[in-house]
């Protein structure tokens, strides 16, 4: 099945096998240093999410104890920045995975591909 939200037509299973927020050189996890320009957590809904979609994304990430990866760092965005944890999510929610990452390995902050002006 193709994920219609991905313009490249790749399935979400293709990404789940290889999508990683780990910086293997530093042994840390990439976290955006600041929210990207179109962060889903910015006021005014700059991503034009449908009603309830943000809540759905947050609930899914929190139910798994995980995190949200910044959409501007996903492979289909052709970003020069590799996948990184969304700063907007990390600033608002403390999940068990984020706590473990912070305590065991730490984070390396990376600049968003398109910082806010």
C-alpha atoms as a PDB file:
ATOM      1  CA  UNK A   1       0.000   0.000   0.000  1.00  0.00           C
ATOM      2  CA  UNK A   2       1.285   3.447  -0.882  1.00  0.00           C
ATOM      3  CA  UNK A   3       1.286   6.238   1.657  1.00  0.00           C
ATOM      4  CA  UNK A   4      -0.563   9.060  -0.097  1.00  0.00           C
ATOM      5  CA  UNK A   5       1.052  11.711   2.112  1.00  0.00           C
ATOM      6  CA  UNK A   6       4.437  10.893   0.571  1.00  0.00           C
ATOM      7  CA  UNK A   7       4.850  12.529  -2.849  1.00  0.00           C
ATOM      8  CA  UNK A   8       7.506   9.987  -3.864  1.00  0.00           C
ATOM      9  CA  UNK A   9       4.969   7.169  -3.650  1.00  0.00           C
ATOM     10  CA  UNK A  10       7.104   5.099  -1.274  1.00  0.00           C
ATOM     11  CA  UNK A  11       5.255   3.025   1.276  1.00  0.00           C
ATOM     12  CA  UNK A  12       5.503   3.887   4.947  1.00  0.00           C
ATOM     13  CA  UNK A  13       7.054   0.438   5.481  1.00  0.00           C
ATOM     14  CA  UNK A  14      10.006   1.509   3.293  1.00  0.00           C
ATOM     15  CA  UNK A  15      10.731   4.371   5.688  1.00  0.00           C
ATOM     16  CA  UNK A  16      10.191   2.476   8.927  1.00  0.00           C
ATOM     17  CA  UNK A  17      13.002   0.063   8.067  1.00  0.00           C
ATOM     18  CA  UNK A  18      15.622   2.731   7.440  1.00  0.00           C
ATOM     19  CA  UNK A  19      14.454   5.945   9.087  1.00  0.00           C
ATOM     20  CA  UNK A  20      16.686   6.750  12.036  1.00  0.00           C
ATOM     21  CA  UNK A  21      17.279   9.846  14.134  1.00  0.00           C
ATOM     22  CA  UNK A  22      20.600   8.473  15.390  1.00  0.00           C
ATOM     23  CA  UNK A  23      23.868  10.224  14.677  1.00  0.00           C
ATOM     24  CA  UNK A  24      26.054   7.139  14.565  1.00  0.00           C
ATOM     25  CA  UNK A  25      29.287   9.141  14.512  1.00  0.00           C
ATOM     26  CA  UNK A  26      28.520  10.959  17.768  1.00  0.00           C
ATOM     27  CA  UNK A  27      26.454   8.187  19.345  1.00  0.00           C
ATOM     28  CA  UNK A  28      23.657  10.652  20.063  1.00  0.00           C
ATOM     29  CA  UNK A  29      20.144  11.326  18.796  1.00  0.00           C
ATOM     30  CA  UNK A  30      19.411  14.239  16.454  1.00  0.00           C
ATOM     31  CA  UNK A  31      17.001  16.844  17.819  1.00  0.00           C
ATOM     32  CA  UNK A  32      16.187  20.068  16.012  1.00  0.00           C
ATOM     33  CA  UNK A  33      17.771  23.045  17.766  1.00  0.00           C
ATOM     34  CA  UNK A  34      14.585  25.043  17.175  1.00  0.00           C
ATOM     35  CA  UNK A  35      11.214  24.556  15.557  1.00  0.00           C
ATOM     36  CA  UNK A  36      11.253  24.485  11.771  1.00  0.00           C
ATOM     37  CA  UNK A  37       9.475  27.228   9.854  1.00  0.00           C
ATOM     38  CA  UNK A  38       6.355  25.111   9.287  1.00  0.00           C
ATOM     39  CA  UNK A  39       6.375  23.176  12.567  1.00  0.00           C
ATOM     40  CA  UNK A  40       3.056  21.505  13.263  1.00  0.00           C
ATOM     41  CA  UNK A  41       3.186  23.059  16.739  1.00  0.00           C
ATOM     42  CA  UNK A  42       3.448  26.670  15.506  1.00  0.00           C
ATOM     43  CA  UNK A  43       0.373  28.854  15.922  1.00  0.00           C
ATOM     44  CA  UNK A  44      -1.765  29.330  12.856  1.00  0.00           C
ATOM     45  CA  UNK A  45      -1.461  25.776  11.491  1.00  0.00           C
ATOM     46  CA  UNK A  46       1.273  26.488   8.880  1.00  0.00           C
ATOM     47  CA  UNK A  47       1.074  22.858   7.661  1.00  0.00           C
ATOM     48  CA  UNK A  48      -2.669  23.152   7.020  1.00  0.00           C
ATOM     49  CA  UNK A  49      -3.397  20.017   9.017  1.00  0.00           C
ATOM     50  CA  UNK A  50      -6.974  18.822   8.931  1.00  0.00           C
ATOM     51  CA  UNK A  51      -9.148  19.072  12.036  1.00  0.00           C
ATOM     52  CA  UNK A  52      -7.892  16.709  14.719  1.00  0.00           C
ATOM     53  CA  UNK A  53      -4.776  15.636  12.799  1.00  0.00           C
ATOM     54  CA  UNK A  54      -2.294  17.220  15.225  1.00  0.00           C
ATOM     55  CA  UNK A  55      -4.033  15.526  18.144  1.00  0.00           C
ATOM     56  CA  UNK A  56      -3.893  12.221  16.236  1.00  0.00           C
ATOM     57  CA  UNK A  57      -0.140  12.569  15.620  1.00  0.00           C
ATOM     58  CA  UNK A  58       0.568  13.499  19.237  1.00  0.00           C
ATOM     59  CA  UNK A  59      -1.655  10.757  20.644  1.00  0.00           C
ATOM     60  CA  UNK A  60       0.043   8.171  18.420  1.00  0.00           C
ATOM     61  CA  UNK A  61       3.534   9.233  19.444  1.00  0.00           C
ATOM     62  CA  UNK A  62       2.646   9.360  23.126  1.00  0.00           C
ATOM     63  CA  UNK A  63       0.838   6.009  23.033  1.00  0.00           C
ATOM     64  CA  UNK A  64       4.014   4.413  21.700  1.00  0.00           C
ATOM     65  CA  UNK A  65       6.110   6.340  24.229  1.00  0.00           C
ATOM     66  CA  UNK A  66       7.985   7.761  21.264  1.00  0.00           C
ATOM     67  CA  UNK A  67       8.338  11.028  19.418  1.00  0.00           C
ATOM     68  CA  UNK A  68       7.533  12.815  16.174  1.00  0.00           C
ATOM     69  CA  UNK A  69      10.168  13.223  13.477  1.00  0.00           C
ATOM     70  CA  UNK A  70      10.219  16.687  11.905  1.00  0.00           C
ATOM     71  CA  UNK A  71       8.460  16.580   8.536  1.00  0.00           C
ATOM     72  CA  UNK A  72      11.119  18.832   6.991  1.00  0.00           C
ATOM     73  CA  UNK A  73      13.779  16.206   7.741  1.00  0.00           C
ATOM     74  CA  UNK A  74      11.903  13.246   6.247  1.00  0.00           C
ATOM     75  CA  UNK A  75      13.416  11.658   3.124  1.00  0.00           C
ATOM     76  CA  UNK A  76      10.627  12.808   0.794  1.00  0.00           C
ATOM     77  CA  UNK A  77      11.388  16.432   1.755  1.00  0.00           C
ATOM     78  CA  UNK A  78      14.848  16.036   0.176  1.00  0.00           C
ATOM     79  CA  UNK A  79      16.355  17.780   3.176  1.00  0.00           C
ATOM     80  CA  UNK A  80      20.091  18.251   3.634  1.00  0.00           C
ATOM     81  CA  UNK A  81      19.410  17.540   7.327  1.00  0.00           C
ATOM     82  CA  UNK A  82      18.940  13.846   8.168  1.00  0.00           C
ATOM     83  CA  UNK A  83      15.830  12.826  10.140  1.00  0.00           C
ATOM     84  CA  UNK A  84      15.628  14.578  13.509  1.00  0.00           C
ATOM     85  CA  UNK A  85      13.149  14.712  16.371  1.00  0.00           C
ATOM     86  CA  UNK A  86      10.651  17.565  16.111  1.00  0.00           C
ATOM     87  CA  UNK A  87      11.605  20.336  18.538  1.00  0.00           C
ATOM     88  CA  UNK A  88       7.989  21.350  18.976  1.00  0.00           C
ATOM     89  CA  UNK A  89       7.109  17.860  20.193  1.00  0.00           C
ATOM     90  CA  UNK A  90      10.172  17.478  22.426  1.00  0.00           C
ATOM     91  CA  UNK A  91       9.534  20.844  24.109  1.00  0.00           C
ATOM     92  CA  UNK A  92       5.947  19.920  24.937  1.00  0.00           C
ATOM     93  CA  UNK A  93       5.998  16.212  25.771  1.00  0.00           C
ATOM     94  CA  UNK A  94       8.263  13.969  27.800  1.00  0.00           C
ATOM     95  CA  UNK A  95       7.877  10.358  26.680  1.00  0.00           C
ATOM     96  CA  UNK A  96       9.773   7.417  28.100  1.00  0.00           C
ATOM     97  CA  UNK A  97      11.852   7.097  24.910  1.00  0.00           C
ATOM     98  CA  UNK A  98      12.930  10.739  25.051  1.00  0.00           C
ATOM     99  CA  UNK A  99      13.816  10.335  28.731  1.00  0.00           C
ATOM    100  CA  UNK A 100      15.902   7.201  28.082  1.00  0.00           C
ATOM    101  CA  UNK A 101      17.656   8.792  25.103  1.00  0.00           C
ATOM    102  CA  UNK A 102      18.452  11.886  27.161  1.00  0.00           C
ATOM    103  CA  UNK A 103      19.833   9.913  30.085  1.00  0.00           C
ATOM    104  CA  UNK A 104      21.805   7.251  28.220  1.00  0.00           C
ATOM    105  CA  UNK A 105      23.077   8.886  25.047  1.00  0.00           C
ATOM    106  CA  UNK A 106      22.002  12.505  24.966  1.00  0.00           C
ATOM    107  CA  UNK A 107      20.991  14.642  22.041  1.00  0.00           C
ATOM    108  CA  UNK A 108      22.892  16.484  19.376  1.00  0.00           C
ATOM    109  CA  UNK A 109      21.027  19.608  18.297  1.00  0.00           C
ATOM    110  CA  UNK A 110      20.882  20.238  14.565  1.00  0.00           C
ATOM    111  CA  UNK A 111      19.610  23.327  12.778  1.00  0.00           C
ATOM    112  CA  UNK A 112      16.343  22.897  10.903  1.00  0.00           C
ATOM    113  CA  UNK A 113      16.615  22.846   7.110  1.00  0.00           C
ATOM    114  CA  UNK A 114      14.370  25.915   6.842  1.00  0.00           C
ATOM    115  CA  UNK A 115      14.633  27.923  10.071  1.00  0.00           C
ATOM    116  CA  UNK A 116      11.992  30.457  10.953  1.00  0.00           C
ATOM    117  CA  UNK A 117      12.847  34.063  10.052  1.00  0.00           C
END
